[in-house]
Every structure is written in structure tokens, then in C-alpha cells.
PDB file of N, CA and C in Angstrom:
ATOM      1  N   MET A   1     100.992  94.746  95.505  1.00  0.00           N
ATOM      2  CA  MET A   1     101.984  94.730  96.518  1.00  0.00           C
ATOM      3  C   MET A   1     101.565  93.942  97.571  1.00  0.00           C
ATOM      4  N   GLN A   2     102.169  92.842  98.009  1.00  0.00           N
ATOM      5  CA  GLN A   2     102.010  92.279  99.233  1.00  0.00           C
ATOM      6  C   GLN A   2     102.692  92.967 100.343  1.00  0.00           C
ATOM      7  N   GLN A   3     102.132  93.639 101.270  1.00  0.00           N
ATOM      8  CA  GLN A   3     102.440  94.417 102.417  1.00  0.00           C
ATOM      9  C   GLN A   3     103.303  93.637 103.227  1.00  0.00           C
ATOM     10  N   GLN A   4     102.913  92.350 103.658  1.00  0.00           N
ATOM     11  CA  GLN A   4     103.750  91.592 104.686  1.00  0.00           C
ATOM     12  C   GLN A   4     105.019  91.211 104.133  1.00  0.00           C
ATOM     13  N   SER A   5     105.102  90.950 103.027  1.00  0.00           N
ATOM     14  CA  SER A   5     106.558  90.483 102.387  1.00  0.00           C
ATOM     15  C   SER A   5     107.438  91.874 102.283  1.00  0.00           C
ATOM     16  N   VAL A   6     106.705  92.865 101.944  1.00  0.00           N
ATOM     17  CA  VAL A   6     107.604  94.087 101.875  1.00  0.00           C
ATOM     18  C   VAL A   6     108.046  94.615 103.101  1.00  0.00           C
ATOM     19  N   PHE A   7     107.263  94.549 104.211  1.00  0.00           N
ATOM     20  CA  PHE A   7     107.781  95.044 105.649  1.00  0.00           C
ATOM     21  C   PHE A   7     108.735  93.936 106.257  1.00  0.00           C
ATOM     22  N   LYS A   8     108.489  92.532 105.835  1.00  0.00           N
ATOM     23  CA  LYS A   8     109.512  91.861 106.212  1.00  0.00           C
ATOM     24  C   LYS A   8     110.681  91.932 105.647  1.00  0.00           C
ATOM     25  N   ALA A   9     110.611  92.153 104.369  1.00  0.00           N
ATOM     26  CA  ALA A   9     112.185  92.387 103.733  1.00  0.00           C
ATOM     27  C   ALA A   9     112.881  93.542 104.182  1.00  0.00           C
ATOM     28  N   LEU A  10     112.040  94.617 104.515  1.00  0.00           N
ATOM     29  CA  LEU A  10     112.667  96.079 104.888  1.00  0.00           C
ATOM     30  C   LEU A  10     112.979  95.886 106.472  1.00  0.00           C
ATOM     31  N   ALA A  11     112.557  94.763 107.193  1.00  0.00           N
ATOM     32  CA  ALA A  11     112.913  94.706 108.671  1.00  0.00           C
ATOM     33  C   ALA A  11     114.378  94.334 108.846  1.00  0.00           C
ATOM     34  N   ASP A  12     114.939  93.810 107.791  1.00  0.00           N
ATOM     35  CA  ASP A  12     116.445  93.428 107.976  1.00  0.00           C
ATOM     36  C   ASP A  12     117.458  94.402 107.668  1.00  0.00           C
ATOM     37  N   PRO A  13     118.310  94.692 108.601  1.00  0.00           N
ATOM     38  CA  PRO A  13     119.246  95.835 108.289  1.00  0.00           C
ATOM     39  C   PRO A  13     120.092  95.668 107.092  1.00  0.00           C
ATOM     40  N   THR A  14     120.693  94.497 106.888  1.00  0.00           N
ATOM     41  CA  THR A  14     121.489  94.176 105.706  1.00  0.00           C
ATOM     42  C   THR A  14     120.576  94.435 104.540  1.00  0.00           C
ATOM     43  N   ARG A  15     119.401  94.050 104.379  1.00  0.00           N
ATOM     44  CA  ARG A  15     118.618  94.396 103.100  1.00  0.00           C
ATOM     45  C   ARG A  15     118.387  95.734 102.941  1.00  0.00           C
ATOM     46  N   ARG A  16     118.169  96.547 104.092  1.00  0.00           N
ATOM     47  CA  ARG A  16     118.133  97.988 104.000  1.00  0.00           C
ATOM     48  C   ARG A  16     119.355  98.564 103.434  1.00  0.00           C
ATOM     49  N   GLN A  17     120.606  98.172 103.865  1.00  0.00           N
ATOM     50  CA  GLN A  17     121.766  98.623 103.467  1.00  0.00           C
ATOM     51  C   GLN A  17     121.926  98.177 101.882  1.00  0.00           C
ATOM     52  N   LEU A  18     121.607  97.029 101.558  1.00  0.00           N
ATOM     53  CA  LEU A  18     121.668  96.836 100.024  1.00  0.00           C
ATOM     54  C   LEU A  18     120.825  97.768  99.159  1.00  0.00           C
ATOM     55  N   LEU A  19     119.549  98.018  99.657  1.00  0.00           N
ATOM     56  CA  LEU A  19     118.724  98.989  99.120  1.00  0.00           C
ATOM     57  C   LEU A  19     119.277 100.344  98.934  1.00  0.00           C
ATOM     58  N   GLN A  20     119.861 100.863 100.065  1.00  0.00           N
ATOM     59  CA  GLN A  20     120.468 102.136  99.949  1.00  0.00           C
ATOM     60  C   GLN A  20     121.569 102.030  99.035  1.00  0.00           C
ATOM     61  N   ARG A  21     122.417 101.088  98.803  1.00  0.00           N
ATOM     62  CA  ARG A  21     123.359 101.054  97.873  1.00  0.00           C
ATOM     63  C   ARG A  21     123.045 101.076  96.372  1.00  0.00           C
ATOM     64  N   LEU A  22     121.857 100.095  96.336  1.00  0.00           N
ATOM     65  CA  LEU A  22     121.157 100.113  94.998  1.00  0.00           C
ATOM     66  C   LEU A  22     120.438 101.584  94.561  1.00  0.00           C
ATOM     67  N   ARG A  23     120.252 102.372  95.474  1.00  0.00           N
ATOM     68  CA  ARG A  23     119.642 103.641  95.148  1.00  0.00           C
ATOM     69  C   ARG A  23     120.674 104.560  94.449  1.00  0.00           C
ATOM     70  N   LYS A  24     121.876 104.097  94.544  1.00  0.00           N
ATOM     71  CA  LYS A  24     122.831 105.069  93.982  1.00  0.00           C
ATOM     72  C   LYS A  24     123.171 104.534  92.422  1.00  0.00           C
ATOM     73  N   GLY A  25     122.683 103.413  92.214  1.00  0.00           N
ATOM     74  CA  GLY A  25     122.827 102.728  90.874  1.00  0.00           C
ATOM     75  C   GLY A  25     122.591 101.305  90.859  1.00  0.00           C
ATOM     76  N   SER A  26     122.361 100.658  89.656  1.00  0.00           N
ATOM     77  CA  SER A  26     122.449  99.203  89.458  1.00  0.00           C
ATOM     78  C   SER A  26     123.662  98.608  89.759  1.00  0.00           C
ATOM     79  N   LEU A  27     123.665  97.265  90.318  1.00  0.00           N
ATOM     80  CA  LEU A  27     124.839  96.499  90.479  1.00  0.00           C
ATOM     81  C   LEU A  27     124.670  95.143  90.317  1.00  0.00           C
ATOM     82  N   SER A  28     125.580  94.424  90.207  1.00  0.00           N
ATOM     83  CA  SER A  28     125.350  92.870  90.347  1.00  0.00           C
ATOM     84  C   SER A  28     125.588  92.481  91.834  1.00  0.00           C
ATOM     85  N   ALA A  29     125.221  91.206  92.058  1.00  0.00           N
ATOM     86  CA  ALA A  29     125.300  90.711  93.519  1.00  0.00           C
ATOM     87  C   ALA A  29     126.787  90.644  93.926  1.00  0.00           C
ATOM     88  N   GLY A  30     127.632  90.528  93.014  1.00  0.00           N
ATOM     89  CA  GLY A  30     129.223  90.447  93.293  1.00  0.00           C
ATOM     90  C   GLY A  30     129.638  91.833  93.718  1.00  0.00           C
ATOM     91  N   GLU A  31     129.134  92.884  92.804  1.00  0.00           N
ATOM     92  CA  GLU A  31     129.397  94.262  93.199  1.00  0.00           C
ATOM     93  C   GLU A  31     128.868  94.673  94.607  1.00  0.00           C
ATOM     94  N   LEU A  32     127.727  94.231  94.714  1.00  0.00           N
ATOM     95  CA  LEU A  32     127.112  94.514  95.972  1.00  0.00           C
ATOM     96  C   LEU A  32     127.787  93.964  97.217  1.00  0.00           C
ATOM     97  N   ALA A  33     128.218  92.710  97.071  1.00  0.00           N
ATOM     98  CA  ALA A  33     128.962  91.978  98.256  1.00  0.00           C
ATOM     99  C   ALA A  33     130.270  92.715  98.330  1.00  0.00           C
ATOM    100  N   GLU A  34     130.748  93.412  97.553  1.00  0.00           N
ATOM    101  CA  GLU A  34     132.007  94.143  97.984  1.00  0.00           C
ATOM    102  C   GLU A  34     131.748  95.408  98.788  1.00  0.00           C
ATOM    103  N   THR A  35     130.516  95.899  98.669  1.00  0.00           N
ATOM    104  CA  THR A  35     130.321  97.109  99.456  1.00  0.00           C
ATOM    105  C   THR A  35     129.658  96.784 100.785  1.00  0.00           C
ATOM    106  N   VAL A  36     129.332  95.597 101.129  1.00  0.00           N
ATOM    107  CA  VAL A  36     128.990  95.269 102.628  1.00  0.00           C
ATOM    108  C   VAL A  36     129.703  94.234 103.140  1.00  0.00           C
ATOM    109  N   ASP A  37     129.403  94.093 104.382  1.00  0.00           N
ATOM    110  CA  ASP A  37     130.365  93.037 105.068  1.00  0.00           C
ATOM    111  C   ASP A  37     129.523  91.716 105.525  1.00  0.00           C
ATOM    112  N   VAL A  38     129.162  91.079 104.200  1.00  0.00           N
ATOM    113  CA  VAL A  38     128.617  89.949 104.262  1.00  0.00           C
ATOM    114  C   VAL A  38     129.053  89.105 103.134  1.00  0.00           C
ATOM    115  N   THR A  39     128.881  87.788 102.947  1.00  0.00           N
ATOM    116  CA  THR A  39     129.379  86.897 102.008  1.00  0.00           C
ATOM    117  C   THR A  39     128.551  87.106 100.651  1.00  0.00           C
ATOM    118  N   SER A  40     129.195  86.759  99.528  1.00  0.00           N
ATOM    119  CA  SER A  40     128.324  86.703  98.410  1.00  0.00           C
ATOM    120  C   SER A  40     127.084  85.943  98.360  1.00  0.00           C
ATOM    121  N   ALA A  41     127.289  84.792  99.035  1.00  0.00           N
ATOM    122  CA  ALA A  41     126.037  83.957  99.237  1.00  0.00           C
ATOM    123  C   ALA A  41     124.851  84.662  99.965  1.00  0.00           C
ATOM    124  N   SER A  42     125.435  85.363 101.107  1.00  0.00           N
ATOM    125  CA  SER A  42     124.309  86.029 101.803  1.00  0.00           C
ATOM    126  C   SER A  42     123.608  87.255 101.022  1.00  0.00           C
ATOM    127  N   VAL A  43     124.485  87.818 100.337  1.00  0.00           N
ATOM    128  CA  VAL A  43     123.925  88.960  99.424  1.00  0.00           C
ATOM    129  C   VAL A  43     122.923  88.356  98.345  1.00  0.00           C
ATOM    130  N   SER A  44     123.228  87.273  97.999  1.00  0.00           N
ATOM    131  CA  SER A  44     122.315  86.526  96.941  1.00  0.00           C
ATOM    132  C   SER A  44     121.112  86.259  97.676  1.00  0.00           C
ATOM    133  N   HIS A  45     121.125  85.660  98.858  1.00  0.00           N
ATOM    134  CA  HIS A  45     120.095  85.313  99.604  1.00  0.00           C
ATOM    135  C   HIS A  45     119.082  86.600  99.911  1.00  0.00           C
ATOM    136  N   HIS A  46     119.697  87.573 100.431  1.00  0.00           N
ATOM    137  CA  HIS A  46     119.020  88.892 100.663  1.00  0.00           C
ATOM    138  C   HIS A  46     118.330  89.327  99.414  1.00  0.00           C
ATOM    139  N   LEU A  47     119.019  89.547  98.209  1.00  0.00           N
ATOM    140  CA  LEU A  47     118.465  89.885  97.092  1.00  0.00           C
ATOM    141  C   LEU A  47     117.250  89.058  96.585  1.00  0.00           C
ATOM    142  N   SER A  48     117.461  87.782  96.812  1.00  0.00           N
ATOM    143  CA  SER A  48     116.249  86.932  96.634  1.00  0.00           C
ATOM    144  C   SER A  48     115.066  87.251  97.201  1.00  0.00           C
ATOM    145  N   ILE A  49     115.071  87.546  98.634  1.00  0.00           N
ATOM    146  CA  ILE A  49     113.969  87.998  99.579  1.00  0.00           C
ATOM    147  C   ILE A  49     113.357  89.462  98.912  1.00  0.00           C
ATOM    148  N   LEU A  50     114.483  90.278  98.637  1.00  0.00           N
ATOM    149  CA  LEU A  50     114.037  91.594  98.023  1.00  0.00           C
ATOM    150  C   LEU A  50     113.346  91.604  96.766  1.00  0.00           C
ATOM    151  N   GLN A  51     113.735  90.494  95.854  1.00  0.00           N
ATOM    152  CA  GLN A  51     113.015  90.396  94.692  1.00  0.00           C
ATOM    153  C   GLN A  51     111.591  89.713  94.939  1.00  0.00           C
ATOM    154  N   GLN A  52     111.453  88.728  95.898  1.00  0.00           N
ATOM    155  CA  GLN A  52     110.192  88.331  96.115  1.00  0.00           C
ATOM    156  C   GLN A  52     109.160  89.279  96.416  1.00  0.00           C
ATOM    157  N   ALA A  53     109.879  90.270  97.410  1.00  0.00           N
ATOM    158  CA  ALA A  53     108.895  91.436  97.769  1.00  0.00           C
ATOM    159  C   ALA A  53     108.713  92.366  96.827  1.00  0.00           C
ATOM    160  N   ASP A  54     109.245  92.243  95.604  1.00  0.00           N
ATOM    161  CA  ASP A  54     109.319  93.297  94.486  1.00  0.00           C
ATOM    162  C   ASP A  54     109.861  94.524  94.785  1.00  0.00           C
ATOM    163  N   LEU A  55     110.738  94.512  95.643  1.00  0.00           N
ATOM    164  CA  LEU A  55     111.565  95.694  96.083  1.00  0.00           C
ATOM    165  C   LEU A  55     112.792  95.977  95.194  1.00  0.00           C
ATOM    166  N   VAL A  56     113.218  94.960  94.450  1.00  0.00           N
ATOM    167  CA  VAL A  56     114.365  95.069  93.540  1.00  0.00           C
ATOM    168  C   VAL A  56     113.895  94.488  92.104  1.00  0.00           C
ATOM    169  N   ARG A  57     114.512  94.983  91.140  1.00  0.00           N
ATOM    170  CA  ARG A  57     114.324  94.421  89.810  1.00  0.00           C
ATOM    171  C   ARG A  57     115.518  93.820  89.287  1.00  0.00           C
ATOM    172  N   VAL A  58     115.482  92.744  88.513  1.00  0.00           N
ATOM    173  CA  VAL A  58     116.701  92.211  88.005  1.00  0.00           C
ATOM    174  C   VAL A  58     116.682  92.133  86.583  1.00  0.00           C
ATOM    175  N   LYS A  59     117.996  92.275  85.922  1.00  0.00           N
ATOM    176  CA  LYS A  59     117.988  92.392  84.419  1.00  0.00           C
ATOM    177  C   LYS A  59     119.283  91.674  84.210  1.00  0.00           C
ATOM    178  N   ARG A  60     119.071  90.768  83.100  1.00  0.00           N
ATOM    179  CA  ARG A  60     120.349  90.041  82.654  1.00  0.00           C
ATOM    180  C   ARG A  60     121.206  90.695  81.808  1.00  0.00           C
ATOM    181  N   ASP A  61     122.528  90.730  82.075  1.00  0.00           N
ATOM    182  CA  ASP A  61     123.627  91.252  81.258  1.00  0.00           C
ATOM    183  C   ASP A  61     124.569  90.255  80.930  1.00  0.00           C
ATOM    184  N   GLY A  62     124.316  89.239  79.956  1.00  0.00           N
ATOM    185  CA  GLY A  62     125.231  88.329  79.753  1.00  0.00           C
ATOM    186  C   GLY A  62     125.127  87.362  80.742  1.00  0.00           C
ATOM    187  N   GLN A  63     125.904  87.005  81.493  1.00  0.00           N
ATOM    188  CA  GLN A  63     125.913  85.939  82.531  1.00  0.00           C
ATOM    189  C   GLN A  63     125.384  86.512  83.850  1.00  0.00           C
ATOM    190  N   ARG A  64     125.688  87.923  83.974  1.00  0.00           N
ATOM    191  CA  ARG A  64     125.575  88.708  85.215  1.00  0.00           C
ATOM    192  C   ARG A  64     123.897  89.005  85.393  1.00  0.00           C
ATOM    193  N   ARG A  65     123.542  88.997  86.609  1.00  0.00           N
ATOM    194  CA  ARG A  65     122.293  89.719  86.871  1.00  0.00           C
ATOM    195  C   ARG A  65     122.486  90.871  87.583  1.00  0.00           C
ATOM    196  N   ILE A  66     121.881  91.931  86.911  1.00  0.00           N
ATOM    197  CA  ILE A  66     121.976  93.373  87.410  1.00  0.00           C
ATOM    198  C   ILE A  66     120.767  93.735  88.322  1.00  0.00           C
ATOM    199  N   TYR A  67     120.916  94.169  89.450  1.00  0.00           N
ATOM    200  CA  TYR A  67     119.830  94.511  90.405  1.00  0.00           C
ATOM    201  C   TYR A  67     119.590  95.996  90.371  1.00  0.00           C
ATOM    202  N   SER A  68     118.335  96.575  90.560  1.00  0.00           N
ATOM    203  CA  SER A  68     118.188  98.074  90.775  1.00  0.00           C
ATOM    204  C   SER A  68     116.871  97.832  91.634  1.00  0.00           C
ATOM    205  N   VAL A  69     116.613  99.291  92.191  1.00  0.00           N
ATOM    206  CA  VAL A  69     115.513  99.326  93.259  1.00  0.00           C
ATOM    207  C   VAL A  69     114.311  99.522  92.416  1.00  0.00           C
ATOM    208  N   ASN A  70     113.234  99.006  92.701  1.00  0.00           N
ATOM    209  CA  ASN A  70     111.871  99.086  92.156  1.00  0.00           C
ATOM    210  C   ASN A  70     111.139 100.230  92.911  1.00  0.00           C
ATOM    211  N   THR A  71     111.034 101.351  92.503  1.00  0.00           N
ATOM    212  CA  THR A  71     110.666 102.705  93.056  1.00  0.00           C
ATOM    213  C   THR A  71     109.119 102.843  93.292  1.00  0.00           C
ATOM    214  N   THR A  72     108.488 101.983  92.257  1.00  0.00           N
ATOM    215  CA  THR A  72     107.066 101.930  92.292  1.00  0.00           C
ATOM    216  C   THR A  72     106.600 101.370  93.712  1.00  0.00           C
ATOM    217  N   VAL A  73     107.158 100.257  94.109  1.00  0.00           N
ATOM    218  CA  VAL A  73     106.658  99.613  95.269  1.00  0.00           C
ATOM    219  C   VAL A  73     106.886 100.746  96.470  1.00  0.00           C
ATOM    220  N   PHE A  74     107.938 101.297  96.493  1.00  0.00           N
ATOM    221  CA  PHE A  74     108.140 102.382  97.603  1.00  0.00           C
ATOM    222  C   PHE A  74     107.064 103.568  97.512  1.00  0.00           C
ATOM    223  N   GLU A  75     106.888 103.874  96.316  1.00  0.00           N
ATOM    224  CA  GLU A  75     105.745 104.866  96.133  1.00  0.00           C
ATOM    225  C   GLU A  75     104.486 104.288  96.799  1.00  0.00           C
ATOM    226  N   ASP A  76     104.109 103.092  96.462  1.00  0.00           N
ATOM    227  CA  ASP A  76     102.928 102.398  97.106  1.00  0.00           C
ATOM    228  C   ASP A  76     102.896 102.292  98.486  1.00  0.00           C
ATOM    229  N   VAL A  77     104.248 101.978  99.131  1.00  0.00           N
ATOM    230  CA  VAL A  77     104.256 101.919 100.629  1.00  0.00           C
ATOM    231  C   VAL A  77     104.064 103.250 101.196  1.00  0.00           C
ATOM    232  N   ALA A  78     104.880 104.252 100.622  1.00  0.00           N
ATOM    233  CA  ALA A  78     104.478 105.864 101.103  1.00  0.00           C
ATOM    234  C   ALA A  78     103.057 106.147 101.041  1.00  0.00           C
ATOM    235  N   ALA A  79     102.317 105.851 100.063  1.00  0.00           N
ATOM    236  CA  ALA A  79     100.867 106.163 100.109  1.00  0.00           C
ATOM    237  C   ALA A  79     100.069 105.464 100.976  1.00  0.00           C
ATOM    238  N   MET A  80     100.332 104.174 101.234  1.00  0.00           N
ATOM    239  CA  MET A  80      99.759 103.304 102.239  1.00  0.00           C
ATOM    240  C   MET A  80      99.872 104.005 103.612  1.00  0.00           C
ATOM    241  N   MET A  81     101.269 104.256 103.836  1.00  0.00           N
ATOM    242  CA  MET A  81     101.567 104.857 105.223  1.00  0.00           C
ATOM    243  C   MET A  81     100.801 106.294 105.387  1.00  0.00           C
ATOM    244  N   TYR A  82     100.724 107.026 104.267  1.00  0.00           N
ATOM    245  CA  TYR A  82     100.074 108.419 104.400  1.00  0.00           C
ATOM    246  C   TYR A  82      98.597 108.081 104.773  1.00  0.00           C
ATOM    247  N   ASP A  83      98.018 106.972 103.861  1.00  0.00           N
ATOM    248  CA  ASP A  83      96.492 106.794 104.363  1.00  0.00           C
ATOM    249  C   ASP A  83      96.425 106.315 105.664  1.00  0.00           C
ATOM    250  N   LEU A  84      97.317 105.589 106.248  1.00  0.00           N
ATOM    251  CA  LEU A  84      97.310 105.167 107.672  1.00  0.00           C
ATOM    252  C   LEU A  84      97.423 106.225 108.590  1.00  0.00           C
ATOM    253  N   PHE A  85      98.456 106.916 108.427  1.00  0.00           N
ATOM    254  CA  PHE A  85      99.035 107.884 109.414  1.00  0.00           C
ATOM    255  C   PHE A  85      98.971 109.423 108.971  1.00  0.00           C
ATOM    256  N   GLY A  86      98.646 109.830 107.805  1.00  0.00           N
ATOM    257  CA  GLY A  86      98.739 110.958 107.253  1.00  0.00           C
ATOM    258  C   GLY A  86      97.787 112.026 107.607  1.00  0.00           C
ATOM    259  N   ASN A  87      96.682 111.333 107.801  1.00  0.00           N
ATOM    260  CA  ASN A  87      95.269 111.909 108.148  1.00  0.00           C
ATOM    261  C   ASN A  87      95.349 112.581 109.657  1.00  0.00           C
ATOM    262  N   ASN A  88      95.056 113.911 109.829  1.00  0.00           N
ATOM    263  CA  ASN A  88      95.370 114.293 111.091  1.00  0.00           C
ATOM    264  C   ASN A  88      94.037 114.285 111.908  1.00  0.00           C
ATOM    265  N   GLU A  89      92.922 113.517 111.393  1.00  0.00           N
ATOM    266  CA  GLU A  89      91.778 113.326 112.138  1.00  0.00           C
ATOM    267  C   GLU A  89      91.974 112.430 113.200  1.00  0.00           C
ATOM    268  N   LYS A  90      91.301 112.681 114.459  1.00  0.00           N
ATOM    269  CA  LYS A  90      91.459 111.764 115.480  1.00  0.00           C
ATOM    270  C   LYS A  90      90.547 110.529 115.197  1.00  0.00           C
ATOM    271  N   LEU A  91      90.987 109.495 115.850  1.00  0.00           N
ATOM    272  CA  LEU A  91      90.237 108.201 115.714  1.00  0.00           C
ATOM    273  C   LEU A  91      89.302 108.151 116.725  1.00  0.00           C
TER     274      LEU A  91
END
């Protein structure tokens, strides 16, 4: 996991909105575009960034690409955050 790319991807509110939508189930870019207030081209751009950060997985279904959340990366981020801040010892 490249922490910098993950946090950069999560910093954008549109990408967080896309991830929240994908949490409910896998969708194509076109289906995602129907659920948010951005263009299909913008959704594709955001999905590319999320894919580069390994936050989403893509699977081909004929000519469509179906996107889903990669929960493994979120587990890694949660573990890293716990390591950083979960310990109650004072520095």
C-alpha cells in the first residue's frame, strides 16, 4: 500500500462519495455517474485515481468495467492509523 496515494485519493470529496456508493455494491462507471452530480468523464477520472491507489478493483463484464471497493486497503489503513494513534502511551 502506498500511503501517500491512498490519502491523496481519499482527500477528494467526490472520490469519497464514489467509494460510499460502491460500498453498497459493484457498479459500472456509467451507473456511478447516475448517482453523483458529476460527468461520466469526471467519474472515470476519479475511478482511475482510486484504482491507482488500489482502493477499487475493476472487473470486465463484456465491454463494461465493473468497479468494487478493495476492502483490504482499508483494513491496512485502519491498522496503520491504530499503530499511529491507537496506543495510549504518551510520547
